[in-house]
Structures are given as structure tokens and as C-alpha cells.
PDB file of N, CA and C in Angstrom:
ATOM      1  N   MET A   1      -0.416  -6.329  -6.315  1.00  0.00           N
ATOM      2  CA  MET A   1       0.933  -5.998  -6.752  1.00  0.00           C
ATOM      3  C   MET A   1       1.073  -4.474  -6.735  1.00  0.00           C
ATOM      4  N   PRO A   2       2.132  -3.968  -6.126  1.00  0.00           N
ATOM      5  CA  PRO A   2       2.340  -2.519  -6.129  1.00  0.00           C
ATOM      6  C   PRO A   2       2.422  -1.967  -7.570  1.00  0.00           C
ATOM      7  N   LEU A   3       1.987  -0.742  -7.726  1.00  0.00           N
ATOM      8  CA  LEU A   3       1.917  -0.133  -9.055  1.00  0.00           C
ATOM      9  C   LEU A   3       3.274  -0.122  -9.743  1.00  0.00           C
ATOM     10  N   ARG A   4       4.332   0.178  -9.017  1.00  0.00           N
ATOM     11  CA  ARG A   4       5.663   0.216  -9.628  1.00  0.00           C
ATOM     12  C   ARG A   4       6.022  -1.155 -10.215  1.00  0.00           C
ATOM     13  N   HIS A   5       5.739  -2.222  -9.487  1.00  0.00           N
ATOM     14  CA  HIS A   5       6.030  -3.575  -9.980  1.00  0.00           C
ATOM     15  C   HIS A   5       5.172  -3.892 -11.203  1.00  0.00           C
ATOM     16  N   GLN A   6       3.912  -3.435 -11.180  1.00  0.00           N
ATOM     17  CA  GLN A   6       3.036  -3.653 -12.335  1.00  0.00           C
ATOM     18  C   GLN A   6       3.563  -2.909 -13.561  1.00  0.00           C
ATOM     19  N   LEU A   7       4.040  -1.684 -13.363  1.00  0.00           N
ATOM     20  CA  LEU A   7       4.603  -0.917 -14.474  1.00  0.00           C
ATOM     21  C   LEU A   7       5.822  -1.635 -15.057  1.00  0.00           C
ATOM     22  N   ARG A   8       6.691  -2.149 -14.189  1.00  0.00           N
ATOM     23  CA  ARG A   8       7.889  -2.864 -14.666  1.00  0.00           C
ATOM     24  C   ARG A   8       7.510  -4.131 -15.419  1.00  0.00           C
ATOM     25  N   ALA A   9       6.557  -4.885 -14.893  1.00  0.00           N
ATOM     26  CA  ALA A   9       6.119  -6.108 -15.563  1.00  0.00           C
ATOM     27  C   ALA A   9       5.500  -5.786 -16.920  1.00  0.00           C
ATOM     28  N   ASP A  10       4.685  -4.739 -16.955  1.00  0.00           N
ATOM     29  CA  ASP A  10       4.058  -4.349 -18.220  1.00  0.00           C
ATOM     30  C   ASP A  10       5.083  -3.802 -19.208  1.00  0.00           C
ATOM     31  N   LEU A  11       6.144  -3.186 -18.703  1.00  0.00           N
ATOM     32  CA  LEU A  11       7.217  -2.716 -19.581  1.00  0.00           C
ATOM     33  C   LEU A  11       7.895  -3.907 -20.255  1.00  0.00           C
ATOM     34  N   ARG A  12       8.183  -4.939 -19.486  1.00  0.00           N
ATOM     35  CA  ARG A  12       8.798  -6.141 -20.077  1.00  0.00           C
ATOM     36  C   ARG A  12       7.901  -6.733 -21.154  1.00  0.00           C
ATOM     37  N   THR A  13       6.601  -6.798 -20.877  1.00  0.00           N
ATOM     38  CA  THR A  13       5.650  -7.333 -21.852  1.00  0.00           C
ATOM     39  C   THR A  13       5.620  -6.455 -23.099  1.00  0.00           C
ATOM     40  N   ALA A  14       5.563  -5.145 -22.914  1.00  0.00           N
ATOM     41  CA  ALA A  14       5.521  -4.218 -24.057  1.00  0.00           C
ATOM     42  C   ALA A  14       6.792  -4.326 -24.898  1.00  0.00           C
ATOM     43  N   MET A  15       7.925  -4.528 -24.241  1.00  0.00           N
ATOM     44  CA  MET A  15       9.177  -4.673 -24.988  1.00  0.00           C
ATOM     45  C   MET A  15       9.160  -5.958 -25.812  1.00  0.00           C
ATOM     46  N   LYS A  16       8.649  -7.031 -25.241  1.00  0.00           N
ATOM     47  CA  LYS A  16       8.565  -8.297 -25.971  1.00  0.00           C
ATOM     48  C   LYS A  16       7.625  -8.179 -27.152  1.00  0.00           C
ATOM     49  N   GLU A  17       6.544  -7.411 -26.974  1.00  0.00           N
ATOM     50  CA  GLU A  17       5.558  -7.221 -28.040  1.00  0.00           C
ATOM     51  C   GLU A  17       5.957  -6.119 -29.016  1.00  0.00           C
ATOM     52  N   ARG A  18       7.061  -5.444 -28.726  1.00  0.00           N
ATOM     53  CA  ARG A  18       7.550  -4.341 -29.559  1.00  0.00           C
ATOM     54  C   ARG A  18       6.513  -3.229 -29.722  1.00  0.00           C
ATOM     55  N   ASP A  19       5.852  -2.912 -28.617  1.00  0.00           N
ATOM     56  CA  ASP A  19       4.861  -1.845 -28.574  1.00  0.00           C
ATOM     57  C   ASP A  19       5.587  -0.555 -28.178  1.00  0.00           C
ATOM     58  N   ALA A  20       6.003   0.210 -29.171  1.00  0.00           N
ATOM     59  CA  ALA A  20       6.846   1.386 -28.929  1.00  0.00           C
ATOM     60  C   ALA A  20       6.151   2.431 -28.057  1.00  0.00           C
ATOM     61  N   ALA A  21       4.871   2.654 -28.271  1.00  0.00           N
ATOM     62  CA  ALA A  21       4.161   3.669 -27.484  1.00  0.00           C
ATOM     63  C   ALA A  21       4.082   3.252 -26.020  1.00  0.00           C
ATOM     64  N   ALA A  22       3.783   1.995 -25.764  1.00  0.00           N
ATOM     65  CA  ALA A  22       3.701   1.516 -24.384  1.00  0.00           C
ATOM     66  C   ALA A  22       5.071   1.559 -23.713  1.00  0.00           C
ATOM     67  N   VAL A  23       6.102   1.153 -24.440  1.00  0.00           N
ATOM     68  CA  VAL A  23       7.455   1.186 -23.883  1.00  0.00           C
ATOM     69  C   VAL A  23       7.831   2.611 -23.507  1.00  0.00           C
ATOM     70  N   SER A  24       7.561   3.550 -24.387  1.00  0.00           N
ATOM     71  CA  SER A  24       7.892   4.953 -24.125  1.00  0.00           C
ATOM     72  C   SER A  24       7.136   5.488 -22.914  1.00  0.00           C
ATOM     73  N   ALA A  25       5.844   5.225 -22.848  1.00  0.00           N
ATOM     74  CA  ALA A  25       5.029   5.733 -21.745  1.00  0.00           C
ATOM     75  C   ALA A  25       5.449   5.112 -20.417  1.00  0.00           C
ATOM     76  N   LEU A  26       5.683   3.811 -20.410  1.00  0.00           N
ATOM     77  CA  LEU A  26       6.045   3.128 -19.165  1.00  0.00           C
ATOM     78  C   LEU A  26       7.433   3.535 -18.695  1.00  0.00           C
ATOM     79  N   ARG A  27       8.369   3.682 -19.618  1.00  0.00           N
ATOM     80  CA  ARG A  27       9.703   4.151 -19.219  1.00  0.00           C
ATOM     81  C   ARG A  27       9.634   5.554 -18.643  1.00  0.00           C
ATOM     82  N   SER A  28       8.816   6.389 -19.241  1.00  0.00           N
ATOM     83  CA  SER A  28       8.658   7.760 -18.753  1.00  0.00           C
ATOM     84  C   SER A  28       8.100   7.763 -17.330  1.00  0.00           C
ATOM     85  N   ALA A  29       7.085   6.947 -17.085  1.00  0.00           N
ATOM     86  CA  ALA A  29       6.487   6.891 -15.752  1.00  0.00           C
ATOM     87  C   ALA A  29       7.475   6.344 -14.730  1.00  0.00           C
ATOM     88  N   LEU A  30       8.205   5.289 -15.092  1.00  0.00           N
ATOM     89  CA  LEU A  30       9.182   4.719 -14.162  1.00  0.00           C
ATOM     90  C   LEU A  30      10.323   5.693 -13.885  1.00  0.00           C
ATOM     91  N   ALA A  31      10.721   6.464 -14.887  1.00  0.00           N
ATOM     92  CA  ALA A  31      11.774   7.469 -14.682  1.00  0.00           C
ATOM     93  C   ALA A  31      11.279   8.581 -13.761  1.00  0.00           C
ATOM     94  N   ALA A  32      10.019   8.975 -13.917  1.00  0.00           N
ATOM     95  CA  ALA A  32       9.460  10.007 -13.037  1.00  0.00           C
ATOM     96  C   ALA A  32       9.419   9.519 -11.588  1.00  0.00           C
ATOM     97  N   ILE A  33       9.106   8.253 -11.406  1.00  0.00           N
ATOM     98  CA  ILE A  33       9.089   7.680 -10.056  1.00  0.00           C
ATOM     99  C   ILE A  33      10.501   7.666  -9.482  1.00  0.00           C
ATOM    100  N   ALA A  34      11.470   7.236 -10.285  1.00  0.00           N
ATOM    101  CA  ALA A  34      12.860   7.202  -9.821  1.00  0.00           C
ATOM    102  C   ALA A  34      13.355   8.606  -9.488  1.00  0.00           C
ATOM    103  N   ASN A  35      12.985   9.587 -10.293  1.00  0.00           N
ATOM    104  CA  ASN A  35      13.394  10.968 -10.016  1.00  0.00           C
ATOM    105  C   ASN A  35      12.782  11.485  -8.722  1.00  0.00           C
ATOM    106  N   ALA A  36      11.555  11.080  -8.436  1.00  0.00           N
ATOM    107  CA  ALA A  36      10.906  11.529  -7.201  1.00  0.00           C
ATOM    108  C   ALA A  36      11.579  10.930  -5.976  1.00  0.00           C
ATOM    109  N   GLU A  37      12.205   9.779  -6.138  1.00  0.00           N
ATOM    110  CA  GLU A  37      12.905   9.143  -5.017  1.00  0.00           C
ATOM    111  C   GLU A  37      14.263   9.773  -4.742  1.00  0.00           C
ATOM    112  N   ALA A  38      14.793  10.478  -5.704  1.00  0.00           N
ATOM    113  CA  ALA A  38      16.132  11.055  -5.548  1.00  0.00           C
ATOM    114  C   ALA A  38      16.129  12.101  -4.438  1.00  0.00           C
ATOM    115  N   VAL A  39      17.207  12.133  -3.698  1.00  0.00           N
ATOM    116  CA  VAL A  39      17.349  13.135  -2.647  1.00  0.00           C
ATOM    117  C   VAL A  39      18.133  14.324  -3.192  1.00  0.00           C
ATOM    118  N   ALA A  40      17.876  15.471  -2.632  1.00  0.00           N
ATOM    119  CA  ALA A  40      18.562  16.684  -3.082  1.00  0.00           C
ATOM    120  C   ALA A  40      20.045  16.605  -2.727  1.00  0.00           C
ATOM    121  N   VAL A  41      20.864  17.083  -3.622  1.00  0.00           N
ATOM    122  CA  VAL A  41      22.306  17.124  -3.379  1.00  0.00           C
ATOM    123  C   VAL A  41      22.608  18.411  -2.631  1.00  0.00           C
ATOM    124  N   PRO A  42      23.257  18.314  -1.486  1.00  0.00           N
ATOM    125  CA  PRO A  42      23.546  19.541  -0.733  1.00  0.00           C
ATOM    126  C   PRO A  42      24.553  20.423  -1.479  1.00  0.00           C
ATOM    127  N   GLU A  43      24.407  21.704  -1.271  1.00  0.00           N
ATOM    128  CA  GLU A  43      25.356  22.649  -1.859  1.00  0.00           C
ATOM    129  C   GLU A  43      26.742  22.385  -1.277  1.00  0.00           C
ATOM    130  N   ARG A  44      27.743  22.451  -2.121  1.00  0.00           N
ATOM    131  CA  ARG A  44      29.107  22.185  -1.689  1.00  0.00           C
ATOM    132  C   ARG A  44      29.908  23.473  -1.779  1.00  0.00           C
ATOM    133  N   ASP A  45      30.753  23.680  -0.808  1.00  0.00           N
ATOM    134  CA  ASP A  45      31.612  24.851  -0.784  1.00  0.00           C
ATOM    135  C   ASP A  45      32.636  24.698  -1.908  1.00  0.00           C
ATOM    136  N   PRO A  46      32.665  25.617  -2.890  1.00  0.00           N
ATOM    137  CA  PRO A  46      33.600  25.474  -4.008  1.00  0.00           C
ATOM    138  C   PRO A  46      35.070  25.526  -3.581  1.00  0.00           C
ATOM    139  N   THR A  47      35.337  26.055  -2.404  1.00  0.00           N
ATOM    140  CA  THR A  47      36.731  26.134  -1.946  1.00  0.00           C
ATOM    141  C   THR A  47      37.148  24.875  -1.183  1.00  0.00           C
ATOM    142  N   ALA A  48      36.188  23.963  -0.938  1.00  0.00           N
ATOM    143  CA  ALA A  48      36.496  22.743  -0.186  1.00  0.00           C
ATOM    144  C   ALA A  48      37.302  21.780  -1.053  1.00  0.00           C
ATOM    145  N   ALA A  49      38.022  20.910  -0.395  1.00  0.00           N
ATOM    146  CA  ALA A  49      38.809  19.897  -1.107  1.00  0.00           C
ATOM    147  C   ALA A  49      37.868  18.907  -1.790  1.00  0.00           C
ATOM    148  N   PRO A  50      38.296  18.352  -2.941  1.00  0.00           N
ATOM    149  CA  PRO A  50      37.455  17.361  -3.625  1.00  0.00           C
ATOM    150  C   PRO A  50      37.199  16.161  -2.713  1.00  0.00           C
ATOM    151  N   MET A  51      35.999  15.590  -2.853  1.00  0.00           N
ATOM    152  CA  MET A  51      35.601  14.485  -1.999  1.00  0.00           C
ATOM    153  C   MET A  51      35.805  13.124  -2.655  1.00  0.00           C
ATOM    154  N   GLY A  52      36.207  13.083  -3.884  1.00  0.00           N
ATOM    155  CA  GLY A  52      36.345  11.795  -4.562  1.00  0.00           C
ATOM    156  C   GLY A  52      34.985  11.171  -4.778  1.00  0.00           C
ATOM    157  N   ASP A  53      34.862   9.875  -4.516  1.00  0.00           N
ATOM    158  CA  ASP A  53      33.593   9.179  -4.710  1.00  0.00           C
ATOM    159  C   ASP A  53      32.653   9.314  -3.528  1.00  0.00           C
ATOM    160  N   VAL A  54      33.109   9.892  -2.439  1.00  0.00           N
ATOM    161  CA  VAL A  54      32.276  10.020  -1.256  1.00  0.00           C
ATOM    162  C   VAL A  54      31.171  11.037  -1.530  1.00  0.00           C
ATOM    163  N   GLY A  55      29.971  10.700  -1.119  1.00  0.00           N
ATOM    164  CA  GLY A  55      28.867  11.642  -1.250  1.00  0.00           C
ATOM    165  C   GLY A  55      28.104  11.555  -2.558  1.00  0.00           C
ATOM    166  N   LEU A  56      28.366  10.548  -3.368  1.00  0.00           N
ATOM    167  CA  LEU A  56      27.597  10.395  -4.591  1.00  0.00           C
ATOM    168  C   LEU A  56      26.221   9.825  -4.270  1.00  0.00           C
ATOM    169  N   ALA A  57      25.315   9.939  -5.213  1.00  0.00           N
ATOM    170  CA  ALA A  57      23.939   9.518  -4.987  1.00  0.00           C
ATOM    171  C   ALA A  57      23.845   8.058  -4.565  1.00  0.00           C
ATOM    172  N   ARG A  58      24.755   7.231  -5.039  1.00  0.00           N
ATOM    173  CA  ARG A  58      24.675   5.815  -4.681  1.00  0.00           C
ATOM    174  C   ARG A  58      24.977   5.587  -3.200  1.00  0.00           C
ATOM    175  N   ASP A  59      25.551   6.579  -2.551  1.00  0.00           N
ATOM    176  CA  ASP A  59      25.880   6.468  -1.132  1.00  0.00           C
ATOM    177  C   ASP A  59      24.748   6.962  -0.241  1.00  0.00           C
ATOM    178  N   VAL A  60      23.724   7.530  -0.836  1.00  0.00           N
ATOM    179  CA  VAL A  60      22.644   8.132  -0.070  1.00  0.00           C
ATOM    180  C   VAL A  60      21.384   7.291  -0.267  1.00  0.00           C
ATOM    181  N   PRO A  61      20.694   6.965   0.819  1.00  0.00           N
ATOM    182  CA  PRO A  61      19.461   6.196   0.658  1.00  0.00           C
ATOM    183  C   PRO A  61      18.424   6.990  -0.126  1.00  0.00           C
ATOM    184  N   ARG A  62      17.643   6.278  -0.923  1.00  0.00           N
ATOM    185  CA  ARG A  62      16.590   6.915  -1.716  1.00  0.00           C
ATOM    186  C   ARG A  62      15.437   7.317  -0.807  1.00  0.00           C
ATOM    187  N   ARG A  63      14.695   8.305  -1.242  1.00  0.00           N
ATOM    188  CA  ARG A  63      13.517   8.760  -0.504  1.00  0.00           C
ATOM    189  C   ARG A  63      12.403   7.731  -0.713  1.00  0.00           C
ATOM    190  N   PRO A  64      11.811   7.229   0.370  1.00  0.00           N
ATOM    191  CA  PRO A  64      10.745   6.228   0.211  1.00  0.00           C
ATOM    192  C   PRO A  64       9.459   6.875  -0.299  1.00  0.00           C
ATOM    193  N   LEU A  65       8.785   6.194  -1.208  1.00  0.00           N
ATOM    194  CA  LEU A  65       7.495   6.652  -1.721  1.00  0.00           C
ATOM    195  C   LEU A  65       6.437   5.626  -1.344  1.00  0.00           C
ATOM    196  N   ASP A  66       5.283   6.089  -0.908  1.00  0.00           N
ATOM    197  CA  ASP A  66       4.208   5.140  -0.641  1.00  0.00           C
ATOM    198  C   ASP A  66       3.364   4.975  -1.903  1.00  0.00           C
ATOM    199  N   ALA A  67       2.391   4.090  -1.845  1.00  0.00           N
ATOM    200  CA  ALA A  67       1.563   3.783  -3.022  1.00  0.00           C
ATOM    201  C   ALA A  67       0.851   5.030  -3.541  1.00  0.00           C
ATOM    202  N   GLY A  68       0.403   5.887  -2.639  1.00  0.00           N
ATOM    203  CA  GLY A  68      -0.278   7.115  -3.056  1.00  0.00           C
ATOM    204  C   GLY A  68       0.637   8.055  -3.819  1.00  0.00           C
ATOM    205  N   ASP A  69       1.890   8.118  -3.405  1.00  0.00           N
ATOM    206  CA  ASP A  69       2.861   8.958  -4.114  1.00  0.00           C
ATOM    207  C   ASP A  69       3.075   8.461  -5.538  1.00  0.00           C
ATOM    208  N   VAL A  70       3.191   7.148  -5.684  1.00  0.00           N
ATOM    209  CA  VAL A  70       3.431   6.559  -7.008  1.00  0.00           C
ATOM    210  C   VAL A  70       2.235   6.803  -7.913  1.00  0.00           C
ATOM    211  N   VAL A  71       1.026   6.623  -7.390  1.00  0.00           N
ATOM    212  CA  VAL A  71      -0.181   6.879  -8.190  1.00  0.00           C
ATOM    213  C   VAL A  71      -0.232   8.353  -8.587  1.00  0.00           C
ATOM    214  N   ALA A  72       0.111   9.246  -7.680  1.00  0.00           N
ATOM    215  CA  ALA A  72       0.085  10.683  -7.982  1.00  0.00           C
ATOM    216  C   ALA A  72       1.077  11.033  -9.084  1.00  0.00           C
ATOM    217  N   ILE A  73       2.220  10.374  -9.082  1.00  0.00           N
ATOM    218  CA  ILE A  73       3.224  10.637 -10.127  1.00  0.00           C
ATOM    219  C   ILE A  73       2.696  10.190 -11.486  1.00  0.00           C
ATOM    220  N   VAL A  74       2.108   9.008 -11.536  1.00  0.00           N
ATOM    221  CA  VAL A  74       1.554   8.510 -12.805  1.00  0.00           C
ATOM    222  C   VAL A  74       0.391   9.393 -13.239  1.00  0.00           C
ATOM    223  N   ARG A  75      -0.438   9.798 -12.293  1.00  0.00           N
ATOM    224  CA  ARG A  75      -1.569  10.685 -12.626  1.00  0.00           C
ATOM    225  C   ARG A  75      -1.066  12.008 -13.202  1.00  0.00           C
ATOM    226  N   ARG A  76       0.011  12.539 -12.636  1.00  0.00           N
ATOM    227  CA  ARG A  76       0.586  13.788 -13.155  1.00  0.00           C
ATOM    228  C   ARG A  76       1.099  13.594 -14.578  1.00  0.00           C
ATOM    229  N   ASP A  77       1.701  12.427 -14.841  1.00  0.00           N
ATOM    230  CA  ASP A  77       2.184  12.119 -16.186  1.00  0.00           C
ATOM    231  C   ASP A  77       1.009  12.056 -17.174  1.00  0.00           C
ATOM    232  N   VAL A  78      -0.100  11.450 -16.755  1.00  0.00           N
ATOM    233  CA  VAL A  78      -1.306  11.384 -17.594  1.00  0.00           C
ATOM    234  C   VAL A  78      -1.847  12.788 -17.841  1.00  0.00           C
ATOM    235  N   ASP A  79      -1.920  13.588 -16.792  1.00  0.00           N
ATOM    236  CA  ASP A  79      -2.439  14.956 -16.930  1.00  0.00           C
ATOM    237  C   ASP A  79      -1.578  15.794 -17.874  1.00  0.00           C
ATOM    238  N   GLU A  80      -0.258  15.623 -17.798  1.00  0.00           N
ATOM    239  CA  GLU A  80       0.636  16.359 -18.697  1.00  0.00           C
ATOM    240  C   GLU A  80       0.396  15.962 -20.148  1.00  0.00           C
ATOM    241  N   ARG A  81       0.190  14.689 -20.388  1.00  0.00           N
ATOM    242  CA  ARG A  81      -0.079  14.238 -21.757  1.00  0.00           C
ATOM    243  C   ARG A  81      -1.425  14.763 -22.250  1.00  0.00           C
ATOM    244  N   ARG A  82      -2.432  14.739 -21.384  1.00  0.00           N
ATOM    245  CA  ARG A  82      -3.747  15.268 -21.773  1.00  0.00           C
ATOM    246  C   ARG A  82      -3.654  16.759 -22.098  1.00  0.00           C
ATOM    247  N   ALA A  83      -2.872  17.485 -21.325  1.00  0.00           N
ATOM    248  CA  ALA A  83      -2.721  18.921 -21.570  1.00  0.00           C
ATOM    249  C   ALA A  83      -1.943  19.197 -22.854  1.00  0.00           C
ATOM    250  N   ALA A  84      -1.009  18.316 -23.205  1.00  0.00           N
ATOM    251  CA  ALA A  84      -0.185  18.528 -24.393  1.00  0.00           C
ATOM    252  C   ALA A  84      -0.887  18.090 -25.683  1.00  0.00           C
ATOM    253  N   LEU A  85      -1.892  17.239 -25.574  1.00  0.00           N
ATOM    254  CA  LEU A  85      -2.546  16.703 -26.764  1.00  0.00           C
ATOM    255  C   LEU A  85      -3.103  17.781 -27.694  1.00  0.00           C
ATOM    256  N   PRO A  86      -3.784  18.824 -27.203  1.00  0.00           N
ATOM    257  CA  PRO A  86      -4.271  19.871 -28.117  1.00  0.00           C
ATOM    258  C   PRO A  86      -3.142  20.562 -28.893  1.00  0.00           C
ATOM    259  N   ASP A  87      -1.990  20.724 -28.273  1.00  0.00           N
ATOM    260  CA  ASP A  87      -0.862  21.333 -28.975  1.00  0.00           C
ATOM    261  C   ASP A  87      -0.404  20.434 -30.120  1.00  0.00           C
ATOM    262  N   TYR A  88      -0.342  19.146 -29.874  1.00  0.00           N
ATOM    263  CA  TYR A  88       0.039  18.210 -30.932  1.00  0.00           C
ATOM    264  C   TYR A  88      -0.980  18.248 -32.065  1.00  0.00           C
ATOM    265  N   GLU A  89      -2.259  18.301 -31.719  1.00  0.00           N
ATOM    266  CA  GLU A  89      -3.303  18.354 -32.743  1.00  0.00           C
ATOM    267  C   GLU A  89      -3.220  19.644 -33.547  1.00  0.00           C
ATOM    268  N   ARG A  90      -2.922  20.744 -32.867  1.00  0.00           N
ATOM    269  CA  ARG A  90      -2.844  22.048 -33.531  1.00  0.00           C
ATOM    270  C   ARG A  90      -1.691  22.098 -34.542  1.00  0.00           C
ATOM    271  N   HIS A  91      -0.612  21.376 -34.253  1.00  0.00           N
ATOM    272  CA  HIS A  91       0.538  21.389 -35.159  1.00  0.00           C
ATOM    273  C   HIS A  91       0.332  20.496 -36.372  1.00  0.00           C
ATOM    274  N   GLY A  92      -0.708  19.689 -36.380  1.00  0.00           N
ATOM    275  CA  GLY A  92      -1.100  18.941 -37.564  1.00  0.00           C
ATOM    276  C   GLY A  92      -0.208  17.779 -37.948  1.00  0.00           C
ATOM    277  N   ASP A  93       0.377  17.101 -36.989  1.00  0.00           N
ATOM    278  CA  ASP A  93       1.175  15.912 -37.285  1.00  0.00           C
ATOM    279  C   ASP A  93       0.404  14.696 -36.772  1.00  0.00           C
ATOM    280  N   PRO A  94      -0.374  14.051 -37.647  1.00  0.00           N
ATOM    281  CA  PRO A  94      -1.250  12.966 -37.191  1.00  0.00           C
ATOM    282  C   PRO A  94      -0.502  11.789 -36.558  1.00  0.00           C
ATOM    283  N   ALA A  95       0.703  11.511 -36.998  1.00  0.00           N
ATOM    284  CA  ALA A  95       1.467  10.394 -36.423  1.00  0.00           C
ATOM    285  C   ALA A  95       1.814  10.675 -34.966  1.00  0.00           C
ATOM    286  N   ARG A  96       2.226  11.892 -34.684  1.00  0.00           N
ATOM    287  CA  ARG A  96       2.565  12.244 -33.298  1.00  0.00           C
ATOM    288  C   ARG A  96       1.316  12.316 -32.421  1.00  0.00           C
ATOM    289  N   VAL A  97       0.225  12.774 -32.984  1.00  0.00           N
ATOM    290  CA  VAL A  97      -1.026  12.836 -32.228  1.00  0.00           C
ATOM    291  C   VAL A  97      -1.447  11.426 -31.831  1.00  0.00           C
ATOM    292  N   GLU A  98      -1.386  10.499 -32.774  1.00  0.00           N
ATOM    293  CA  GLU A  98      -1.779   9.124 -32.486  1.00  0.00           C
ATOM    294  C   GLU A  98      -0.842   8.481 -31.471  1.00  0.00           C
ATOM    295  N   ARG A  99       0.441   8.769 -31.566  1.00  0.00           N
ATOM    296  CA  ARG A  99       1.395   8.217 -30.594  1.00  0.00           C
ATOM    297  C   ARG A  99       1.113   8.761 -29.187  1.00  0.00           C
ATOM    298  N   MET A 100       0.820  10.058 -29.098  1.00  0.00           N
ATOM    299  CA  MET A 100       0.507  10.661 -27.801  1.00  0.00           C
ATOM    300  C   MET A 100      -0.768  10.040 -27.231  1.00  0.00           C
ATOM    301  N   ARG A 101      -1.764   9.828 -28.085  1.00  0.00           N
ATOM    302  CA  ARG A 101      -3.000   9.196 -27.618  1.00  0.00           C
ATOM    303  C   ARG A 101      -2.739   7.767 -27.148  1.00  0.00           C
ATOM    304  N   ALA A 102      -1.893   7.037 -27.868  1.00  0.00           N
ATOM    305  CA  ALA A 102      -1.568   5.665 -27.477  1.00  0.00           C
ATOM    306  C   ALA A 102      -0.861   5.646 -26.119  1.00  0.00           C
ATOM    307  N   GLU A 103       0.093   6.549 -25.914  1.00  0.00           N
ATOM    308  CA  GLU A 103       0.793   6.632 -24.628  1.00  0.00           C
ATOM    309  C   GLU A 103      -0.178   7.017 -23.515  1.00  0.00           C
ATOM    310  N   LEU A 104      -1.078   7.915 -23.819  1.00  0.00           N
ATOM    311  CA  LEU A 104      -2.076   8.347 -22.842  1.00  0.00           C
ATOM    312  C   LEU A 104      -2.979   7.181 -22.443  1.00  0.00           C
ATOM    313  N   ARG A 105      -3.404   6.374 -23.422  1.00  0.00           N
ATOM    314  CA  ARG A 105      -4.243   5.199 -23.118  1.00  0.00           C
ATOM    315  C   ARG A 105      -3.507   4.218 -22.213  1.00  0.00           C
ATOM    316  N   VAL A 106      -2.211   4.020 -22.470  1.00  0.00           N
ATOM    317  CA  VAL A 106      -1.428   3.083 -21.663  1.00  0.00           C
ATOM    318  C   VAL A 106      -1.399   3.536 -20.206  1.00  0.00           C
ATOM    319  N   LEU A 107      -1.036   4.778 -19.969  1.00  0.00           N
ATOM    320  CA  LEU A 107      -0.899   5.266 -18.593  1.00  0.00           C
ATOM    321  C   LEU A 107      -2.251   5.483 -17.906  1.00  0.00           C
ATOM    322  N   ALA A 108      -3.264   5.860 -18.672  1.00  0.00           N
ATOM    323  CA  ALA A 108      -4.582   6.115 -18.080  1.00  0.00           C
ATOM    324  C   ALA A 108      -5.162   4.853 -17.470  1.00  0.00           C
ATOM    325  N   ARG A 109      -4.785   3.680 -17.978  1.00  0.00           N
ATOM    326  CA  ARG A 109      -5.287   2.421 -17.393  1.00  0.00           C
ATOM    327  C   ARG A 109      -4.941   2.323 -15.915  1.00  0.00           C
ATOM    328  N   TYR A 110      -3.737   2.751 -15.552  1.00  0.00           N
ATOM    329  CA  TYR A 110      -3.297   2.638 -14.162  1.00  0.00           C
ATOM    330  C   TYR A 110      -3.982   3.645 -13.269  1.00  0.00           C
ATOM    331  N   VAL A 111      -4.181   4.838 -13.765  1.00  0.00           N
ATOM    332  CA  VAL A 111      -4.814   5.897 -12.982  1.00  0.00           C
ATOM    333  C   VAL A 111      -6.314   5.623 -12.865  1.00  0.00           C
ATOM    334  N   ASP A 112      -6.949   5.260 -13.984  1.00  0.00           N
ATOM    335  CA  ASP A 112      -8.386   4.991 -13.968  1.00  0.00           C
ATOM    336  C   ASP A 112      -8.712   3.778 -13.121  1.00  0.00           C
ATOM    337  N   ALA A 113      -7.843   2.766 -13.140  1.00  0.00           N
ATOM    338  CA  ALA A 113      -8.064   1.580 -12.319  1.00  0.00           C
ATOM    339  C   ALA A 113      -7.965   1.953 -10.838  1.00  0.00           C
ATOM    340  N   ASP A 114      -7.026   2.831 -10.510  1.00  0.00           N
ATOM    341  CA  ASP A 114      -6.880   3.267  -9.120  1.00  0.00           C
ATOM    342  C   ASP A 114      -8.083   4.103  -8.700  1.00  0.00           C
ATOM    343  N   ASP A 115      -8.566   4.970  -9.585  1.00  0.00           N
ATOM    344  CA  ASP A 115      -9.729   5.796  -9.255  1.00  0.00           C
ATOM    345  C   ASP A 115     -10.977   4.937  -9.048  1.00  0.00           C
ATOM    346  N   ALA A 116     -11.116   3.876  -9.832  1.00  0.00           N
ATOM    347  CA  ALA A 116     -12.277   2.986  -9.701  1.00  0.00           C
ATOM    348  C   ALA A 116     -12.232   2.214  -8.397  1.00  0.00           C
ATOM    349  N   GLY A 117     -11.018   1.868  -7.935  1.00  0.00           N
ATOM    350  CA  GLY A 117     -10.863   1.126  -6.712  1.00  0.00           C
ATOM    351  C   GLY A 117     -11.015   1.974  -5.462  1.00  0.00           C
ATOM    352  N   ALA A 118     -10.954   3.282  -5.615  1.00  0.00           N
ATOM    353  CA  ALA A 118     -11.027   4.186  -4.443  1.00  0.00           C
ATOM    354  C   ALA A 118     -12.452   4.442  -4.035  1.00  0.00           C
TER     355      ALA A 118
END
């Protein structure tokens, strides 16, 4: 099963189980993937006539991502959380530290599983 489909399936499961940390982490990863698929909006001449609904993102095909791109996006999300963890610990809020660790554990499963398979 492609990683994106696995993330979506696991998100549904986490929502049913009311696992807030997993839901947050999985939504974040899926949003990062969706953002990576977005195409750049071309600069528009401010003096040009309005285009109405023509040219909106829904009219433009999304950028295709291969499996390696999706894994790299999730890995980047894991790395960002690992880098932010010391800052959370330094600020002394144990609830936020534990939530960050829980989110990190959720996403690390996908990256570590991919690394083991490589």
C-alpha cells in the first residue's frame, strides 16, 4: 500500500480511537504532502483584467509525487519534530513535551519502516 494511503487509513483509525497526538501528526504529514503537490501560481499583471474563476488551483493539475518524494516529506516532518523537541524540553512544559514525543513516535514508524526495507 502506498505510504499516502497508509497515512490516510491510519488517520481514520486514530480518529475512531480518539488519539489526538496521532491525528495531529498524521494530518500534518498529509497536509505537507498536499502542499508539495501544489503548483506555483504564476505572477499576474496587476493591470490585467480580472480572470474570474479561470486559473484557480482547481483548474491546474497537481504535481505528481513518487513514493520516494512522499517518504522524504514524512522524514522531513520527523526531523523537524526531533529538532524541536529540545526547545520544548527547555521551556519546561511536560504536557507539550509528551505530546511532541507521541507525534514523533507516530511518524517515525513510517520512516523507520521505510529505512528498514531499504
